[in-house]
């Protein structure tokens, strides 16, 4: 009997379209002899739809027309099982679309990759691929990630964090930045990926413009010194906190000072960008020394484990060519195209990578099932004896 695998993608995120590309690509390579694939598309209004046409990238050229041929749906838990049922129920006949054994979220950005969707799936008691709630949230929050890694001794750049309520005191923000750092600096939204809202500022006027731009996409922003002689190196990690391994290292080739959204998902593609991050121009392996390669792979695995990640993540590094220092830039808990192109040089085919990710999800679910979530107590049997103040107002 096949395993019912729900692949979730889309969602209320500026990286919505990237998620669609990554998911459709992955569904092509998932073992259909073993899994019954159930595509579940989340609209930008957080509505869920399912249907066979969601597995065809060309169908997304006209999303309103596509949704008319799909079924709006919702997950429910009933009798110990998770089911996908019709949102608009029929008066006659079954409203069950399918039972679901495991979920595979292939999502990018806020509201989906940041622990929100993972928390929903965990509440349902549904095994899901990838990082858990905490690791997903930390991975999305660049400031929290830096703080945790810095506290553990990992190499990260210093930074300053500002909230949108501080926008009224722009002079205060610029003064704080100029006191802490020299120009140029990098300004980025704290919880976005795909280079959205990120820019470089070389003077105060540019800094103000970059700050205003970043605040268009997030409530909090991060400002850090720019590495002037920069070489970007990426390394993927597969596993969990018990056991993990690093992929080969890559060196992205950007057309500008900052690797842009267009560099990542549009430029270099011969099929409308349908291959996602696989279209990015890159050097594999990266043009670095063997010692630098080994160091980056080790740091990547150690950081992955320290943050409690699971499945596949991609950790992006910055190499300062002037000082030869290496810094962790960020972690992508669900990288575009699931970073399959970094595993192929290690003879791990995309279908095998996906299978290993699913098995890691099932392993975590089995492990969590052994944890007790019940505590024997007779509090509720006491009825109304707590009074209006509840248990805190009682004396026992």
Protein backbone atom coordinates (compact mmCIF):
# COMPACT_ATOMS: atom_id res chain seq x y z
CA UNK A 1 0.00 0.00 0.00
CA UNK A 2 1.31 3.43 -0.95
CA UNK A 3 2.06 6.12 1.61
CA UNK A 4 -0.17 9.18 1.25
CA UNK A 5 2.21 12.15 0.99
CA UNK A 6 0.77 15.67 1.02
CA UNK A 7 3.11 18.20 -0.58
CA UNK A 8 2.29 21.69 0.68
CA UNK A 9 3.44 24.80 -1.17
CA UNK A 10 2.63 28.44 -1.86
CA UNK A 11 1.28 30.47 1.05
CA UNK A 12 1.12 34.10 2.15
CA UNK A 13 4.72 35.01 1.41
CA UNK A 14 6.74 37.19 -0.94
CA UNK A 15 8.45 33.94 -1.95
CA UNK A 16 5.15 32.35 -2.98
CA UNK A 17 6.13 31.81 -6.61
CA UNK A 18 9.52 30.37 -5.67
CA UNK A 19 7.74 27.82 -3.48
CA UNK A 20 5.56 26.75 -6.41
CA UNK A 21 8.63 26.19 -8.58
CA UNK A 22 10.45 24.19 -5.89
CA UNK A 23 7.42 22.02 -5.09
CA UNK A 24 6.43 21.17 -8.65
CA UNK A 25 10.01 20.23 -9.35
CA UNK A 26 10.21 18.00 -6.27
CA UNK A 27 6.90 16.27 -7.02
CA UNK A 28 8.36 15.21 -10.37
CA UNK A 29 11.14 13.30 -8.61
CA UNK A 30 9.32 11.77 -5.62
CA UNK A 31 9.04 7.98 -5.92
CA UNK A 32 5.51 7.45 -7.25
CA UNK A 33 5.77 3.69 -6.79
CA UNK A 34 6.02 4.24 -3.04
CA UNK A 35 4.06 7.46 -2.49
CA UNK A 36 0.64 8.67 -3.48
CA UNK A 37 1.39 12.37 -4.00
CA UNK A 38 -1.32 14.79 -2.91
CA UNK A 39 -0.48 18.34 -3.99
CA UNK A 40 -1.85 20.99 -1.62
CA UNK A 41 -1.52 24.55 -2.87
CA UNK A 42 -1.90 27.40 -0.40
CA UNK A 43 -3.05 30.66 -1.96
CA UNK A 44 -1.79 34.05 -0.86
CA UNK A 45 -5.07 34.32 1.07
CA UNK A 46 -4.22 31.12 2.99
CA UNK A 47 -6.83 28.96 1.26
CA UNK A 48 -5.95 25.31 0.56
CA UNK A 49 -6.61 23.62 -2.79
CA UNK A 50 -5.81 20.19 -4.16
CA UNK A 51 -5.96 18.66 -7.63
CA UNK A 52 -3.83 16.88 -10.20
CA UNK A 53 -3.25 20.01 -12.27
CA UNK A 54 -1.29 21.50 -9.39
CA UNK A 55 1.58 19.22 -10.39
CA UNK A 56 2.00 21.00 -13.73
CA UNK A 57 4.02 24.24 -13.59
CA UNK A 58 2.33 25.53 -16.75
CA UNK A 59 -1.04 25.49 -14.98
CA UNK A 60 0.11 28.35 -12.76
CA UNK A 61 0.20 30.80 -15.66
CA UNK A 62 -3.49 31.46 -14.87
CA UNK A 63 -4.05 30.74 -11.19
CA UNK A 64 -7.76 31.80 -11.02
CA UNK A 65 -8.55 29.41 -13.87
CA UNK A 66 -6.44 26.70 -12.25
CA UNK A 67 -8.27 26.93 -8.92
CA UNK A 68 -11.64 26.50 -10.66
CA UNK A 69 -10.45 23.03 -11.68
CA UNK A 70 -9.21 22.18 -8.18
CA UNK A 71 -10.94 21.37 -4.90
CA UNK A 72 -10.78 23.67 -1.89
CA UNK A 73 -9.80 21.55 1.08
CA UNK A 74 -8.87 21.47 4.76
CA UNK A 75 -6.97 19.12 7.06
CA UNK A 76 -8.83 17.55 9.97
CA UNK A 77 -7.90 14.95 12.56
CA UNK A 78 -10.51 12.31 13.25
CA UNK A 79 -10.30 8.89 14.92
CA UNK A 80 -6.54 9.09 15.22
CA UNK A 81 -5.96 9.89 11.54
CA UNK A 82 -5.36 13.04 9.53
CA UNK A 83 -7.70 13.52 6.63
CA UNK A 84 -7.91 15.96 3.77
CA UNK A 85 -11.56 16.82 3.20
CA UNK A 86 -13.59 19.21 1.09
CA UNK A 87 -13.88 22.71 2.47
CA UNK A 88 -17.29 23.13 0.81
CA UNK A 89 -19.00 19.90 1.75
CA UNK A 90 -21.37 18.04 -0.51
CA UNK A 91 -24.83 17.17 0.81
CA UNK A 92 -24.56 13.65 -0.54
CA UNK A 93 -21.60 11.32 -0.85
CA UNK A 94 -18.24 11.33 0.85
CA UNK A 95 -16.33 14.56 1.48
CA UNK A 96 -13.10 12.71 2.14
CA UNK A 97 -10.41 13.47 -0.43
CA UNK A 98 -7.68 11.35 1.11
CA UNK A 99 -6.13 10.27 4.36
CA UNK A 100 -2.67 11.76 4.86
CA UNK A 101 0.27 9.85 6.35
CA UNK A 102 3.01 12.47 6.09
CA UNK A 103 3.35 16.08 4.93
CA UNK A 104 6.17 17.56 2.89
CA UNK A 105 6.18 21.37 3.22
CA UNK A 106 8.12 22.91 0.34
CA UNK A 107 7.58 26.50 1.30
CA UNK A 108 9.66 29.65 1.47
CA UNK A 109 9.36 32.77 3.56
CA UNK A 110 7.21 34.22 6.30
CA UNK A 111 4.00 32.54 7.49
CA UNK A 112 5.07 29.17 6.10
CA UNK A 113 8.80 28.52 6.56
CA UNK A 114 9.04 30.34 9.89
CA UNK A 115 7.42 27.70 12.09
CA UNK A 116 3.82 28.79 11.56
CA UNK A 117 2.95 25.98 9.14
CA UNK A 118 5.12 23.52 11.06
CA UNK A 119 3.16 24.34 14.24
CA UNK A 120 -0.12 23.67 12.43
CA UNK A 121 1.09 20.28 11.20
CA UNK A 122 2.46 19.41 14.63
CA UNK A 123 -0.88 20.27 16.24
CA UNK A 124 -2.55 17.89 13.81
CA UNK A 125 -0.12 15.18 14.90
CA UNK A 126 0.98 14.77 11.29
CA UNK A 127 4.60 13.80 10.55
CA UNK A 128 6.21 16.48 8.43
CA UNK A 129 9.47 16.85 6.55
CA UNK A 130 12.05 19.42 7.56
CA UNK A 131 12.84 21.46 10.65
CA UNK A 132 10.54 21.57 13.66
CA UNK A 133 8.78 24.69 14.93
CA UNK A 134 11.70 26.14 16.90
CA UNK A 135 14.42 25.46 14.33
CA UNK A 136 12.19 26.86 11.56
CA UNK A 137 11.46 30.03 13.54
CA UNK A 138 15.12 30.59 14.44
CA UNK A 139 16.24 29.91 10.88
CA UNK A 140 13.86 32.53 9.55
CA UNK A 141 14.75 35.18 12.13
CA UNK A 142 18.21 36.37 11.10
CA UNK A 143 18.80 38.24 14.36
CA UNK A 144 17.82 35.32 16.60
CA UNK A 145 19.93 32.99 14.49
CA UNK A 146 22.97 35.24 14.80
CA UNK A 147 22.49 35.55 18.56
CA UNK A 148 22.29 31.80 19.09
CA UNK A 149 25.25 31.06 16.84
CA UNK A 150 27.39 33.85 18.29
CA UNK A 151 26.66 32.66 21.83
CA UNK A 152 27.93 29.20 20.85
CA UNK A 153 31.13 30.57 19.32
CA UNK A 154 30.22 30.35 15.62
CA UNK A 155 31.66 33.06 13.36
CA UNK A 156 29.01 35.69 12.55
CA UNK A 157 29.20 39.41 11.84
CA UNK A 158 28.06 41.90 14.48
CA UNK A 159 24.75 43.56 13.72
CA UNK A 160 22.12 46.01 14.93
CA UNK A 161 18.39 45.35 14.99
CA UNK A 162 15.66 48.00 14.59
CA UNK A 163 11.86 47.87 14.63
CA UNK A 164 9.41 49.84 12.50
CA UNK A 165 8.30 51.89 15.52
CA UNK A 166 11.79 53.44 15.50
CA UNK A 167 11.28 54.79 11.97
CA UNK A 168 10.16 58.12 13.42
CA UNK A 169 13.67 58.60 14.80
CA UNK A 170 15.64 58.07 11.59
CA UNK A 171 18.42 60.31 12.91
CA UNK A 172 18.74 58.03 15.93
CA UNK A 173 18.97 54.93 13.74
CA UNK A 174 21.61 56.39 11.44
CA UNK A 175 23.62 57.71 14.37
CA UNK A 176 23.62 54.29 16.05
CA UNK A 177 24.72 52.61 12.82
CA UNK A 178 27.48 55.12 12.15
CA UNK A 179 28.75 54.83 15.71
CA UNK A 180 28.90 51.04 15.47
CA UNK A 181 30.04 50.49 11.87
CA UNK A 182 31.86 52.13 9.00
CA UNK A 183 30.29 52.33 5.56
CA UNK A 184 29.38 50.37 3.54
CA UNK A 185 26.70 48.43 5.43
CA UNK A 186 24.09 45.87 4.46
CA UNK A 187 20.43 46.43 5.36
CA UNK A 188 18.03 43.49 5.27
CA UNK A 189 14.59 42.48 6.55
CA UNK A 190 15.03 40.11 9.47
CA UNK A 191 12.64 37.41 8.31
CA UNK A 192 12.79 37.23 4.52
CA UNK A 193 14.78 35.20 2.04
CA UNK A 194 15.52 35.22 -1.70
CA UNK A 195 17.33 38.57 -1.27
CA UNK A 196 14.01 40.43 -1.06
CA UNK A 197 14.42 43.87 0.51
CA UNK A 198 18.20 43.58 0.90
CA UNK A 199 20.45 46.44 -0.21
CA UNK A 200 23.86 47.96 0.36
CA UNK A 201 24.40 51.51 1.65
CA UNK A 202 27.63 53.45 1.16
CA UNK A 203 26.61 56.70 2.87
CA UNK A 204 23.91 58.20 5.09
CA UNK A 205 21.58 59.03 2.20
CA UNK A 206 21.84 55.48 0.89
CA UNK A 207 21.36 54.11 4.40
CA UNK A 208 18.07 55.97 4.85
CA UNK A 209 16.84 54.74 1.47
CA UNK A 210 17.86 51.14 2.29
CA UNK A 211 16.14 51.29 5.68
CA UNK A 212 12.91 52.56 4.15
CA UNK A 213 13.07 49.83 1.50
CA UNK A 214 13.65 47.04 4.04
CA UNK A 215 10.77 48.21 6.24
CA UNK A 216 8.41 47.78 3.29
CA UNK A 217 8.82 44.03 3.68
CA UNK A 218 9.21 43.45 7.42
CA UNK A 219 8.54 44.92 10.85
CA UNK A 220 12.14 44.46 11.94
CA UNK A 221 15.38 44.98 10.06
CA UNK A 222 19.01 44.06 10.57
CA UNK A 223 22.03 46.18 9.69
CA UNK A 224 25.55 44.76 9.54
CA UNK A 225 28.92 45.76 8.08
CA UNK A 226 29.41 44.84 4.45
CA UNK A 227 32.25 42.53 3.51
CA UNK A 228 33.84 44.59 0.75
CA UNK A 229 35.96 41.87 -0.82
CA UNK A 230 33.28 39.23 -0.64
CA UNK A 231 33.16 35.68 -1.90
CA UNK A 232 29.90 33.85 -1.19
CA UNK A 233 30.06 30.13 -0.44
CA UNK A 234 27.04 27.88 0.16
CA UNK A 235 26.96 24.41 1.69
CA UNK A 236 23.97 22.15 2.21
CA UNK A 237 23.52 19.76 5.15
CA UNK A 238 21.38 16.61 5.29
CA UNK A 239 20.39 14.82 8.48
CA UNK A 240 19.21 15.68 11.98
CA UNK A 241 20.81 16.67 15.27
CA UNK A 242 22.01 13.10 15.83
CA UNK A 243 23.74 12.61 12.49
CA UNK A 244 24.35 14.95 9.57
CA UNK A 245 26.63 15.32 6.56
CA UNK A 246 27.69 18.20 4.35
CA UNK A 247 27.31 18.52 0.59
CA UNK A 248 29.92 19.93 -1.74
CA UNK A 249 30.43 23.68 -1.54
CA UNK A 250 29.25 26.06 -4.24
CA UNK A 251 30.19 29.60 -5.18
CA UNK A 252 27.23 31.60 -6.57
CA UNK A 253 28.08 34.02 -9.35
CA UNK A 254 26.14 37.26 -9.03
CA UNK A 255 25.71 40.05 -11.52
CA UNK A 256 25.60 42.77 -8.85
CA UNK A 257 27.07 43.50 -5.42
CA UNK A 258 24.29 41.46 -3.81
CA UNK A 259 22.94 38.21 -5.20
CA UNK A 260 19.48 39.37 -6.32
CA UNK A 261 16.11 37.65 -6.64
CA UNK A 262 16.59 37.76 -10.43
CA UNK A 263 20.04 36.18 -10.14
CA UNK A 264 18.57 33.32 -8.12
CA UNK A 265 15.36 32.56 -9.94
CA UNK A 266 15.23 34.29 -13.33
CA UNK A 267 18.68 34.76 -14.81
CA UNK A 268 20.31 31.77 -16.44
CA UNK A 269 17.13 29.77 -16.83
CA UNK A 270 16.18 28.39 -20.23
CA UNK A 271 12.64 27.43 -19.29
CA UNK A 272 11.18 30.52 -17.67
CA UNK A 273 12.98 29.93 -14.41
CA UNK A 274 11.07 26.72 -13.76
CA UNK A 275 14.11 25.08 -12.26
CA UNK A 276 14.31 27.57 -9.42
CA UNK A 277 17.69 27.88 -7.74
CA UNK A 278 19.06 25.29 -10.18
CA UNK A 279 19.18 28.08 -12.82
CA UNK A 280 21.62 30.17 -10.78
CA UNK A 281 25.10 30.54 -12.23
CA UNK A 282 27.54 28.87 -9.87
CA UNK A 283 30.91 27.23 -9.50
CA UNK A 284 30.72 23.66 -8.19
CA UNK A 285 32.96 22.94 -6.42
CA UNK A 286 33.66 26.42 -5.07
CA UNK A 287 36.96 28.07 -5.88
CA UNK A 288 38.42 27.80 -2.37
CA UNK A 289 41.33 25.97 -0.78
CA UNK A 290 40.87 22.42 0.55
CA UNK A 291 41.36 23.80 4.08
CA UNK A 292 38.62 26.40 3.59
CA UNK A 293 36.33 23.77 2.10
CA UNK A 294 36.80 21.43 5.07
CA UNK A 295 36.30 24.27 7.54
CA UNK A 296 33.06 25.44 5.89
CA UNK A 297 31.66 21.90 5.75
CA UNK A 298 32.45 21.34 9.43
CA UNK A 299 30.96 24.66 10.53
CA UNK A 300 27.86 23.96 8.42
CA UNK A 301 27.24 20.57 10.04
CA UNK A 302 27.94 21.88 13.54
CA UNK A 303 25.62 24.87 13.08
CA UNK A 304 22.89 22.63 11.61
CA UNK A 305 23.02 20.39 14.67
CA UNK A 306 23.28 23.28 17.13
CA UNK A 307 20.09 24.85 15.76
CA UNK A 308 18.29 21.49 15.90
CA UNK A 309 17.64 21.26 12.18
CA UNK A 310 16.24 18.26 10.32
CA UNK A 311 16.03 17.27 6.67
CA UNK A 312 17.97 19.46 4.26
CA UNK A 313 19.15 23.00 4.91
CA UNK A 314 21.55 25.26 3.08
CA UNK A 315 23.95 27.42 5.06
CA UNK A 316 25.32 30.48 3.30
CA UNK A 317 28.78 31.74 4.16
CA UNK A 318 30.76 34.89 3.50
CA UNK A 319 34.48 34.68 2.83
CA UNK A 320 36.34 37.95 3.33
CA UNK A 321 39.04 37.75 0.67
CA UNK A 322 41.02 40.51 2.38
CA UNK A 323 41.28 38.85 5.80
CA UNK A 324 40.45 35.27 4.70
CA UNK A 325 37.92 35.13 7.56
CA UNK A 326 34.80 33.01 7.15
CA UNK A 327 31.40 34.05 8.51
CA UNK A 328 28.00 32.35 8.59
CA UNK A 329 25.57 34.62 6.75
CA UNK A 330 22.29 32.73 7.18
CA UNK A 331 20.63 29.33 7.17
CA UNK A 332 17.86 28.35 4.75
CA UNK A 333 15.80 25.65 6.43
CA UNK A 334 13.90 24.92 3.20
CA UNK A 335 16.28 26.03 0.44
CA UNK A 336 15.13 26.66 -3.11
CA UNK A 337 15.02 23.42 -5.12
CA UNK A 338 15.97 21.77 -1.80
CA UNK A 339 19.62 22.31 -2.86
CA UNK A 340 19.58 19.03 -4.83
CA UNK A 341 22.30 20.37 -7.14
CA UNK A 342 24.74 20.35 -4.20
CA UNK A 343 24.14 16.63 -3.60
CA UNK A 344 24.38 15.31 -7.14
CA UNK A 345 28.22 15.68 -7.15
CA UNK A 346 28.19 13.33 -4.13
CA UNK A 347 26.18 10.77 -6.14
CA UNK A 348 22.98 11.50 -4.21
CA UNK A 349 20.22 11.71 -6.82
CA UNK A 350 17.32 14.08 -6.25
CA UNK A 351 14.87 11.21 -5.75
CA UNK A 352 17.16 9.71 -3.10
CA UNK A 353 17.54 13.07 -1.37
CA UNK A 354 13.75 13.44 -1.16
CA UNK A 355 13.40 9.90 0.18
CA UNK A 356 15.96 10.48 2.89
CA UNK A 357 14.18 13.66 3.94
CA UNK A 358 10.88 11.82 4.26
CA UNK A 359 12.48 9.04 6.29
CA UNK A 360 14.02 11.61 8.65
CA UNK A 361 10.54 13.04 9.21
CA UNK A 362 9.13 9.63 10.06
CA UNK A 363 12.09 8.94 12.36
CA UNK A 364 11.41 12.16 14.30
CA UNK A 365 7.71 11.33 14.55
CA UNK A 366 8.45 7.88 15.94
CA UNK A 367 10.86 9.39 18.45
CA UNK A 368 8.37 12.05 19.57
CA UNK A 369 5.67 9.41 19.95
CA UNK A 370 7.68 7.92 22.81
CA UNK A 371 7.48 11.16 24.81
CA UNK A 372 4.70 11.32 27.39
CA UNK A 373 2.36 14.28 27.00
CA UNK A 374 0.05 13.24 29.83
CA UNK A 375 0.35 13.85 33.54
CA UNK A 376 -1.99 12.00 35.85
CA UNK A 377 -3.90 14.47 38.01
CA UNK A 378 -7.31 14.82 39.61
CA UNK A 379 -7.56 18.61 39.27
CA UNK A 380 -10.64 18.57 37.03
CA UNK A 381 -12.44 16.11 39.31
CA UNK A 382 -12.57 18.83 41.94
CA UNK A 383 -15.13 20.69 39.85
CA UNK A 384 -15.84 24.25 40.97
CA UNK A 385 -13.86 24.10 44.19
CA UNK A 386 -11.21 26.39 42.68
CA UNK A 387 -13.56 29.32 42.79
CA UNK A 388 -13.41 32.32 40.45
CA UNK A 389 -9.62 32.65 40.78
CA UNK A 390 -8.91 29.17 39.45
CA UNK A 391 -5.95 27.08 40.61
CA UNK A 392 -3.72 30.11 41.23
CA UNK A 393 -6.15 31.41 43.83
CA UNK A 394 -6.31 28.09 45.69
CA UNK A 395 -4.19 27.16 48.68
CA UNK A 396 -3.19 23.62 47.82
